Amino acid sequence: AAELGFDAVEIFPSAAETLDPSAVKRLIAMHGLGIAAL
């Protein structure tokens, strides 16, 4: 997504517990992305 120039990603998880917010924050920061919605 970052390579193609998108500003953000919209994520659909299996459940809230399957996402680690700290890890997601690090990941999107590394790529300069935002989170549009869950």
PDB file of all heavy atoms in Angstrom:
ATOM      1  N   ALA A   1       0.827  -1.205   0.000  1.00  0.00           N
ATOM      2  CA  ALA A   1       0.000   0.000   0.000  1.00  0.00           C
ATOM      3  C   ALA A   1       0.864   1.259   0.000  1.00  0.00           C
ATOM      4  O   ALA A   1       0.591   2.221  -0.716  1.00  0.00           O
ATOM      5  CB  ALA A   1      -0.931  -0.005   1.210  1.00  0.00           C
ATOM      6  N   ALA A   2       1.900   1.243   0.814  1.00  0.00           N
ATOM      7  CA  ALA A   2       2.792   2.403   0.874  1.00  0.00           C
ATOM      8  C   ALA A   2       3.535   2.594  -0.448  1.00  0.00           C
ATOM      9  O   ALA A   2       3.676   3.726  -0.930  1.00  0.00           O
ATOM     10  CB  ALA A   2       3.781   2.223   2.018  1.00  0.00           C
ATOM     11  N   GLU A   3       3.976   1.502  -1.035  1.00  0.00           N
ATOM     12  CA  GLU A   3       4.705   1.584  -2.303  1.00  0.00           C
ATOM     13  C   GLU A   3       3.838   2.185  -3.399  1.00  0.00           C
ATOM     14  O   GLU A   3       4.323   2.932  -4.260  1.00  0.00           O
ATOM     15  CB  GLU A   3       5.176   0.193  -2.720  1.00  0.00           C
ATOM     16  CG  GLU A   3       5.988   0.167  -4.009  1.00  0.00           C
ATOM     17  CD  GLU A   3       6.448  -1.231  -4.392  1.00  0.00           C
ATOM     18  OE1 GLU A   3       6.586  -2.083  -3.488  1.00  0.00           O
ATOM     19  OE2 GLU A   3       6.652  -1.466  -5.606  1.00  0.00           O
ATOM     20  N   LEU A   4       2.525   1.893  -3.364  1.00  0.00           N
ATOM     21  CA  LEU A   4       1.613   2.403  -4.385  1.00  0.00           C
ATOM     22  C   LEU A   4       1.122   3.812  -4.089  1.00  0.00           C
ATOM     23  O   LEU A   4       0.402   4.397  -4.896  1.00  0.00           O
ATOM     24  CB  LEU A   4       0.425   1.450  -4.533  1.00  0.00           C
ATOM     25  CG  LEU A   4       0.758   0.064  -5.109  1.00  0.00           C
ATOM     26  CD1 LEU A   4      -0.461  -0.853  -5.063  1.00  0.00           C
ATOM     27  CD2 LEU A   4       1.279   0.183  -6.538  1.00  0.00           C
ATOM     28  N   GLY A   5       1.452   4.338  -2.918  1.00  0.00           N
ATOM     29  CA  GLY A   5       1.131   5.726  -2.614  1.00  0.00           C
ATOM     30  C   GLY A   5      -0.124   5.962  -1.805  1.00  0.00           C
ATOM     31  O   GLY A   5      -0.584   7.108  -1.701  1.00  0.00           O
ATOM     32  N   PHE A   6      -0.701   4.919  -1.209  1.00  0.00           N
ATOM     33  CA  PHE A   6      -1.911   5.107  -0.411  1.00  0.00           C
ATOM     34  C   PHE A   6      -1.592   5.829   0.891  1.00  0.00           C
ATOM     35  O   PHE A   6      -0.513   5.685   1.463  1.00  0.00           O
ATOM     36  CB  PHE A   6      -2.578   3.761  -0.122  1.00  0.00           C
ATOM     37  CG  PHE A   6      -3.312   3.194  -1.313  1.00  0.00           C
ATOM     38  CD1 PHE A   6      -2.681   2.296  -2.155  1.00  0.00           C
ATOM     39  CD2 PHE A   6      -4.602   3.593  -1.600  1.00  0.00           C
ATOM     40  CE1 PHE A   6      -3.332   1.788  -3.268  1.00  0.00           C
ATOM     41  CE2 PHE A   6      -5.272   3.090  -2.704  1.00  0.00           C
ATOM     42  CZ  PHE A   6      -4.636   2.192  -3.546  1.00  0.00           C
ATOM     43  N   ASP A   7      -2.571   6.602   1.353  1.00  0.00           N
ATOM     44  CA  ASP A   7      -2.419   7.323   2.616  1.00  0.00           C
ATOM     45  C   ASP A   7      -2.659   6.428   3.818  1.00  0.00           C
ATOM     46  O   ASP A   7      -2.115   6.693   4.903  1.00  0.00           O
ATOM     47  CB  ASP A   7      -3.407   8.496   2.677  1.00  0.00           C
ATOM     48  CG  ASP A   7      -3.162   9.521   1.585  1.00  0.00           C
ATOM     49  OD1 ASP A   7      -2.011   9.989   1.468  1.00  0.00           O
ATOM     50  OD2 ASP A   7      -4.120   9.847   0.848  1.00  0.00           O
ATOM     51  N   ALA A   8      -3.500   5.409   3.657  1.00  0.00           N
ATOM     52  CA  ALA A   8      -3.904   4.614   4.814  1.00  0.00           C
ATOM     53  C   ALA A   8      -4.385   3.237   4.373  1.00  0.00           C
ATOM     54  O   ALA A   8      -4.584   2.975   3.176  1.00  0.00           O
ATOM     55  CB  ALA A   8      -5.016   5.335   5.579  1.00  0.00           C
ATOM     56  N   VAL A   9      -4.587   2.380   5.367  1.00  0.00           N
ATOM     57  CA  VAL A   9      -5.173   1.061   5.136  1.00  0.00           C
ATOM     58  C   VAL A   9      -6.420   0.910   6.004  1.00  0.00           C
ATOM     59  O   VAL A   9      -6.536   1.523   7.063  1.00  0.00           O
ATOM     60  CB  VAL A   9      -4.172  -0.071   5.446  1.00  0.00           C
ATOM     61  CG1 VAL A   9      -3.032  -0.068   4.444  1.00  0.00           C
ATOM     62  CG2 VAL A   9      -3.626   0.030   6.876  1.00  0.00           C
ATOM     63  N   GLU A  10      -7.342   0.111   5.511  1.00  0.00           N
ATOM     64  CA  GLU A  10      -8.574  -0.229   6.238  1.00  0.00           C
ATOM     65  C   GLU A  10      -8.495  -1.721   6.532  1.00  0.00           C
ATOM     66  O   GLU A  10      -8.406  -2.531   5.607  1.00  0.00           O
ATOM     67  CB  GLU A  10      -9.797   0.112   5.390  1.00  0.00           C
ATOM     68  CG  GLU A  10     -11.124  -0.128   6.068  1.00  0.00           C
ATOM     69  CD  GLU A  10     -12.297   0.321   5.196  1.00  0.00           C
ATOM     70  OE1 GLU A  10     -12.147   1.307   4.436  1.00  0.00           O
ATOM     71  OE2 GLU A  10     -13.351  -0.328   5.257  1.00  0.00           O
ATOM     72  N   ILE A  11      -8.509  -2.099   7.799  1.00  0.00           N
ATOM     73  CA  ILE A  11      -8.192  -3.464   8.214  1.00  0.00           C
ATOM     74  C   ILE A  11      -9.446  -4.172   8.728  1.00  0.00           C
ATOM     75  O   ILE A  11     -10.223  -3.610   9.508  1.00  0.00           O
ATOM     76  CB  ILE A  11      -7.117  -3.465   9.310  1.00  0.00           C
ATOM     77  CG1 ILE A  11      -5.871  -2.707   8.840  1.00  0.00           C
ATOM     78  CG2 ILE A  11      -6.751  -4.888   9.716  1.00  0.00           C
ATOM     79  CD1 ILE A  11      -4.840  -2.476   9.932  1.00  0.00           C
ATOM     80  N   PHE A  12      -9.597  -5.429   8.306  1.00  0.00           N
ATOM     81  CA  PHE A  12     -10.708  -6.267   8.754  1.00  0.00           C
ATOM     82  C   PHE A  12     -10.140  -7.477   9.494  1.00  0.00           C
ATOM     83  O   PHE A  12      -9.727  -8.450   8.877  1.00  0.00           O
ATOM     84  CB  PHE A  12     -11.562  -6.701   7.558  1.00  0.00           C
ATOM     85  CG  PHE A  12     -12.292  -5.554   6.912  1.00  0.00           C
ATOM     86  CD1 PHE A  12     -11.623  -4.688   6.059  1.00  0.00           C
ATOM     87  CD2 PHE A  12     -13.625  -5.307   7.194  1.00  0.00           C
ATOM     88  CE1 PHE A  12     -12.274  -3.611   5.487  1.00  0.00           C
ATOM     89  CE2 PHE A  12     -14.282  -4.221   6.624  1.00  0.00           C
ATOM     90  CZ  PHE A  12     -13.608  -3.377   5.770  1.00  0.00           C
ATOM     91  N   PRO A  13     -10.102  -7.423  10.836  1.00  0.00           N
ATOM     92  CA  PRO A  13      -9.533  -8.522  11.613  1.00  0.00           C
ATOM     93  C   PRO A  13     -10.571  -9.606  11.917  1.00  0.00           C
ATOM     94  O   PRO A  13     -11.783  -9.366  11.860  1.00  0.00           O
ATOM     95  CB  PRO A  13      -9.098  -7.834  12.903  1.00  0.00           C
ATOM     96  CG  PRO A  13     -10.119  -6.741  13.080  1.00  0.00           C
ATOM     97  CD  PRO A  13     -10.477  -6.276  11.684  1.00  0.00           C
ATOM     98  N   SER A  14     -10.094 -10.790  12.265  1.00  0.00           N
ATOM     99  CA  SER A  14     -11.002 -11.869  12.674  1.00  0.00           C
ATOM    100  C   SER A  14     -11.651 -11.564  14.011  1.00  0.00           C
ATOM    101  O   SER A  14     -12.768 -12.002  14.285  1.00  0.00           O
ATOM    102  CB  SER A  14     -10.238 -13.193  12.767  1.00  0.00           C
ATOM    103  OG  SER A  14      -9.867 -13.646  11.487  1.00  0.00           O
ATOM    104  N   ALA A  15     -10.949 -10.836  14.851  1.00  0.00           N
ATOM    105  CA  ALA A  15     -11.447 -10.375  16.142  1.00  0.00           C
ATOM    106  C   ALA A  15     -10.471  -9.338  16.650  1.00  0.00           C
ATOM    107  O   ALA A  15      -9.311  -9.295  16.215  1.00  0.00           O
ATOM    108  CB  ALA A  15     -11.572 -11.533  17.138  1.00  0.00           C
ATOM    109  N   ALA A  16     -10.905  -8.523  17.579  1.00  0.00           N
ATOM    110  CA  ALA A  16     -10.030  -7.481  18.108  1.00  0.00           C
ATOM    111  C   ALA A  16      -8.762  -8.081  18.699  1.00  0.00           C
ATOM    112  O   ALA A  16      -7.672  -7.512  18.575  1.00  0.00           O
ATOM    113  CB  ALA A  16     -10.776  -6.670  19.164  1.00  0.00           C
ATOM    114  N   GLU A  17      -8.905  -9.246  19.332  1.00  0.00           N
ATOM    115  CA  GLU A  17      -7.782  -9.857  20.029  1.00  0.00           C
ATOM    116  C   GLU A  17      -6.674 -10.313  19.090  1.00  0.00           C
ATOM    117  O   GLU A  17      -5.550 -10.594  19.536  1.00  0.00           O
ATOM    118  CB  GLU A  17      -8.269 -11.042  20.863  1.00  0.00           C
ATOM    119  CG  GLU A  17      -9.252 -10.690  21.961  1.00  0.00           C
ATOM    120  CD  GLU A  17     -10.664 -10.414  21.472  1.00  0.00           C
ATOM    121  OE1 GLU A  17     -10.971 -10.732  20.293  1.00  0.00           O
ATOM    122  OE2 GLU A  17     -11.469  -9.875  22.256  1.00  0.00           O
ATOM    123  N   THR A  18      -6.965 -10.412  17.797  1.00  0.00           N
ATOM    124  CA  THR A  18      -5.951 -10.872  16.841  1.00  0.00           C
ATOM    125  C   THR A  18      -5.031  -9.745  16.392  1.00  0.00           C
ATOM    126  O   THR A  18      -4.072 -10.001  15.664  1.00  0.00           O
ATOM    127  CB  THR A  18      -6.617 -11.505  15.605  1.00  0.00           C
ATOM    128  OG1 THR A  18      -7.400 -10.512  14.933  1.00  0.00           O
ATOM    129  CG2 THR A  18      -7.522 -12.674  16.007  1.00  0.00           C
ATOM    130  N   LEU A  19      -5.328  -8.516  16.808  1.00  0.00           N
ATOM    131  CA  LEU A  19      -4.467  -7.372  16.462  1.00  0.00           C
ATOM    132  C   LEU A  19      -3.753  -6.878  17.714  1.00  0.00           C
ATOM    133  O   LEU A  19      -4.384  -6.673  18.758  1.00  0.00           O
ATOM    134  CB  LEU A  19      -5.291  -6.229  15.872  1.00  0.00           C
ATOM    135  CG  LEU A  19      -5.822  -6.378  14.449  1.00  0.00           C
ATOM    136  CD1 LEU A  19      -6.583  -5.121  14.058  1.00  0.00           C
ATOM    137  CD2 LEU A  19      -4.720  -6.656  13.455  1.00  0.00           C
ATOM    138  N   ASP A  20      -2.461  -6.670  17.595  1.00  0.00           N
ATOM    139  CA  ASP A  20      -1.660  -6.052  18.659  1.00  0.00           C
ATOM    140  C   ASP A  20      -1.501  -4.579  18.299  1.00  0.00           C
ATOM    141  O   ASP A  20      -0.750  -4.246  17.375  1.00  0.00           O
ATOM    142  CB  ASP A  20      -0.302  -6.746  18.744  1.00  0.00           C
ATOM    143  CG  ASP A  20       0.621  -6.107  19.776  1.00  0.00           C
ATOM    144  OD1 ASP A  20       0.282  -5.032  20.320  1.00  0.00           O
ATOM    145  OD2 ASP A  20       1.694  -6.676  20.035  1.00  0.00           O
ATOM    146  N   PRO A  21      -2.220  -3.693  18.990  1.00  0.00           N
ATOM    147  CA  PRO A  21      -2.169  -2.273  18.601  1.00  0.00           C
ATOM    148  C   PRO A  21      -0.754  -1.702  18.548  1.00  0.00           C
ATOM    149  O   PRO A  21      -0.433  -0.918  17.651  1.00  0.00           O
ATOM    150  CB  PRO A  21      -3.013  -1.584  19.681  1.00  0.00           C
ATOM    151  CG  PRO A  21      -3.949  -2.642  20.147  1.00  0.00           C
ATOM    152  CD  PRO A  21      -3.168  -3.920  20.090  1.00  0.00           C
ATOM    153  N   SER A  22       0.103  -2.098  19.481  1.00  0.00           N
ATOM    154  CA  SER A  22       1.469  -1.571  19.481  1.00  0.00           C
ATOM    155  C   SER A  22       2.216  -2.002  18.227  1.00  0.00           C
ATOM    156  O   SER A  22       2.927  -1.204  17.594  1.00  0.00           O
ATOM    157  CB  SER A  22       2.221  -2.042  20.731  1.00  0.00           C
ATOM    158  OG  SER A  22       1.617  -1.519  21.899  1.00  0.00           O
ATOM    159  N   ALA A  23       2.043  -3.278  17.853  1.00  0.00           N
ATOM    160  CA  ALA A  23       2.716  -3.781  16.651  1.00  0.00           C
ATOM    161  C   ALA A  23       2.159  -3.115  15.403  1.00  0.00           C
ATOM    162  O   ALA A  23       2.919  -2.781  14.472  1.00  0.00           O
ATOM    163  CB  ALA A  23       2.559  -5.297  16.570  1.00  0.00           C
ATOM    164  N   VAL A  24       0.841  -2.897  15.376  1.00  0.00           N
ATOM    165  CA  VAL A  24       0.225  -2.238  14.218  1.00  0.00           C
ATOM    166  C   VAL A  24       0.723  -0.807  14.105  1.00  0.00           C
ATOM    167  O   VAL A  24       1.040  -0.321  13.013  1.00  0.00           O
ATOM    168  CB  VAL A  24      -1.311  -2.288  14.305  1.00  0.00           C
ATOM    169  CG1 VAL A  24      -1.938  -1.474  13.174  1.00  0.00           C
ATOM    170  CG2 VAL A  24      -1.815  -3.726  14.249  1.00  0.00           C
ATOM    171  N   LYS A  25       0.831  -0.119  15.237  1.00  0.00           N
ATOM    172  CA  LYS A  25       1.331   1.262  15.217  1.00  0.00           C
ATOM    173  C   LYS A  25       2.757   1.318  14.667  1.00  0.00           C
ATOM    174  O   LYS A  25       3.090   2.205  13.868  1.00  0.00           O
ATOM    175  CB  LYS A  25       1.289   1.847  16.628  1.00  0.00           C
ATOM    176  CG  LYS A  25      -0.096   2.201  17.125  1.00  0.00           C
ATOM    177  CD  LYS A  25      -0.031   2.695  18.560  1.00  0.00           C
ATOM    178  CE  LYS A  25      -1.409   2.968  19.120  1.00  0.00           C
ATOM    179  NZ  LYS A  25      -1.373   3.380  20.540  1.00  0.00           N
ATOM    180  N   ARG A  26       3.570   0.385  15.097  1.00  0.00           N
ATOM    181  CA  ARG A  26       4.958   0.370  14.593  1.00  0.00           C
ATOM    182  C   ARG A  26       4.984   0.106  13.086  1.00  0.00           C
ATOM    183  O   ARG A  26       5.753   0.734  12.340  1.00  0.00           O
ATOM    184  CB  ARG A  26       5.770  -0.700  15.322  1.00  0.00           C
ATOM    185  CG  ARG A  26       6.084  -0.362  16.774  1.00  0.00           C
ATOM    186  CD  ARG A  26       7.147  -1.276  17.338  1.00  0.00           C
ATOM    187  NE  ARG A  26       6.721  -2.662  17.366  1.00  0.00           N
ATOM    188  CZ  ARG A  26       6.072  -3.242  18.382  1.00  0.00           C
ATOM    189  NH1 ARG A  26       5.770  -2.524  19.467  1.00  0.00           N
ATOM    190  NH2 ARG A  26       5.744  -4.512  18.340  1.00  0.00           N
ATOM    191  N   LEU A  27       4.120  -0.810  12.651  1.00  0.00           N
ATOM    192  CA  LEU A  27       4.088  -1.183  11.237  1.00  0.00           C
ATOM    193  C   LEU A  27       3.658  -0.013  10.359  1.00  0.00           C
ATOM    194  O   LEU A  27       4.305   0.296   9.346  1.00  0.00           O
ATOM    195  CB  LEU A  27       3.145  -2.373  11.049  1.00  0.00           C
ATOM    196  CG  LEU A  27       2.966  -2.900   9.621  1.00  0.00           C
ATOM    197  CD1 LEU A  27       4.287  -3.429   9.082  1.00  0.00           C
ATOM    198  CD2 LEU A  27       1.891  -3.991   9.606  1.00  0.00           C
ATOM    199  N   ILE A  28       2.579   0.646  10.743  1.00  0.00           N
ATOM    200  CA  ILE A  28       2.096   1.740   9.894  1.00  0.00           C
ATOM    201  C   ILE A  28       3.026   2.947   9.962  1.00  0.00           C
ATOM    202  O   ILE A  28       3.197   3.669   8.975  1.00  0.00           O
ATOM    203  CB  ILE A  28       0.638   2.134  10.236  1.00  0.00           C
ATOM    204  CG1 ILE A  28       0.525   2.654  11.667  1.00  0.00           C
ATOM    205  CG2 ILE A  28      -0.300   0.961  10.004  1.00  0.00           C
ATOM    206  CD1 ILE A  28      -0.812   3.282  11.980  1.00  0.00           C
ATOM    207  N   ALA A  29       3.662   3.151  11.120  1.00  0.00           N
ATOM    208  CA  ALA A  29       4.623   4.250  11.215  1.00  0.00           C
ATOM    209  C   ALA A  29       5.817   3.999  10.306  1.00  0.00           C
ATOM    210  O   ALA A  29       6.331   4.926   9.659  1.00  0.00           O
ATOM    211  CB  ALA A  29       5.073   4.419  12.659  1.00  0.00           C
ATOM    212  N   MET A  30       6.252   2.743  10.243  1.00  0.00           N
ATOM    213  CA  MET A  30       7.389   2.391   9.399  1.00  0.00           C
ATOM    214  C   MET A  30       7.105   2.704   7.940  1.00  0.00           C
ATOM    215  O   MET A  30       7.998   3.104   7.183  1.00  0.00           O
ATOM    216  CB  MET A  30       7.699   0.901   9.567  1.00  0.00           C
ATOM    217  CG  MET A  30       8.865   0.395   8.734  1.00  0.00           C
ATOM    218  SD  MET A  30       9.307  -1.312   9.150  1.00  0.00           S
ATOM    219  CE  MET A  30       7.846  -2.186   8.560  1.00  0.00           C
ATOM    220  N   HIS A  31       5.827   2.566   7.540  1.00  0.00           N
ATOM    221  CA  HIS A  31       5.465   2.778   6.143  1.00  0.00           C
ATOM    222  C   HIS A  31       4.817   4.140   5.895  1.00  0.00           C
ATOM    223  O   HIS A  31       4.404   4.427   4.763  1.00  0.00           O
ATOM    224  CB  HIS A  31       4.522   1.670   5.680  1.00  0.00           C
ATOM    225  CG  HIS A  31       5.173   0.323   5.611  1.00  0.00           C
ATOM    226  ND1 HIS A  31       6.181   0.030   4.722  1.00  0.00           N
ATOM    227  CD2 HIS A  31       4.966  -0.809   6.339  1.00  0.00           C
ATOM    228  CE1 HIS A  31       6.565  -1.230   4.886  1.00  0.00           C
ATOM    229  NE2 HIS A  31       5.857  -1.759   5.855  1.00  0.00           N
ATOM    230  N   GLY A  32       4.699   4.967   6.925  1.00  0.00           N
ATOM    231  CA  GLY A  32       4.107   6.282   6.755  1.00  0.00           C
ATOM    232  C   GLY A  32       2.628   6.246   6.423  1.00  0.00           C
ATOM    233  O   GLY A  32       2.127   7.117   5.698  1.00  0.00           O
ATOM    234  N   LEU A  33       1.925   5.261   6.950  1.00  0.00           N
ATOM    235  CA  LEU A  33       0.497   5.083   6.673  1.00  0.00           C
ATOM    236  C   LEU A  33      -0.359   5.503   7.859  1.00  0.00           C
ATOM    237  O   LEU A  33       0.120   5.621   8.987  1.00  0.00           O
ATOM    238  CB  LEU A  33       0.197   3.613   6.355  1.00  0.00           C
ATOM    239  CG  LEU A  33       0.802   3.027   5.079  1.00  0.00           C
ATOM    240  CD1 LEU A  33       0.673   1.510   5.086  1.00  0.00           C
ATOM    241  CD2 LEU A  33       0.111   3.617   3.848  1.00  0.00           C
ATOM    242  N   GLY A  34      -1.643   5.698   7.595  1.00  0.00           N
ATOM    243  CA  GLY A  34      -2.636   5.854   8.636  1.00  0.00           C
ATOM    244  C   GLY A  34      -3.549   4.642   8.660  1.00  0.00           C
ATOM    245  O   GLY A  34      -3.464   3.762   7.798  1.00  0.00           O
ATOM    246  N   ILE A  35      -4.429   4.606   9.657  1.00  0.00           N
ATOM    247  CA  ILE A  35      -5.480   3.588   9.715  1.00  0.00           C
ATOM    248  C   ILE A  35      -6.797   4.292   9.404  1.00  0.00           C
ATOM    249  O   ILE A  35      -7.246   5.157  10.162  1.00  0.00           O
ATOM    250  CB  ILE A  35      -5.566   2.917  11.100  1.00  0.00           C
ATOM    251  CG1 ILE A  35      -4.228   2.295  11.489  1.00  0.00           C
ATOM    252  CG2 ILE A  35      -6.673   1.869  11.109  1.00  0.00           C
ATOM    253  CD1 ILE A  35      -3.855   1.066  10.704  1.00  0.00           C
ATOM    254  N   ALA A  36      -7.403   3.951   8.285  1.00  0.00           N
ATOM    255  CA  ALA A  36      -8.656   4.603   7.892  1.00  0.00           C
ATOM    256  C   ALA A  36      -9.824   4.122   8.734  1.00  0.00           C
ATOM    257  O   ALA A  36     -10.702   4.906   9.100  1.00  0.00           O
ATOM    258  CB  ALA A  36      -8.932   4.338   6.417  1.00  0.00           C
ATOM    259  N   ALA A  37      -9.868   2.817   9.035  1.00  0.00           N
ATOM    260  CA  ALA A  37     -10.965   2.242   9.809  1.00  0.00           C
ATOM    261  C   ALA A  37     -10.639   0.784  10.104  1.00  0.00           C
ATOM    262  O   ALA A  37      -9.792   0.172   9.451  1.00  0.00           O
ATOM    263  CB  ALA A  37     -12.292   2.343   9.057  1.00  0.00           C
ATOM    264  N   LEU A  38     -11.345   0.229  11.085  1.00  0.00           N
ATOM    265  CA  LEU A  38     -11.312  -1.204  11.370  1.00  0.00           C
ATOM    266  C   LEU A  38     -12.719  -1.752  11.158  1.00  0.00           C
ATOM    267  O   LEU A  38     -13.708  -1.163  11.628  1.00  0.00           O
ATOM    268  CB  LEU A  38     -10.877  -1.484  12.808  1.00  0.00           C
ATOM    269  CG  LEU A  38      -9.437  -1.967  13.021  1.00  0.00           C
ATOM    270  CD1 LEU A  38      -8.451  -0.925  12.527  1.00  0.00           C
ATOM    271  CD2 LEU A  38      -9.193  -2.301  14.485  1.00  0.00           C
TER     272      LEU A  38
END
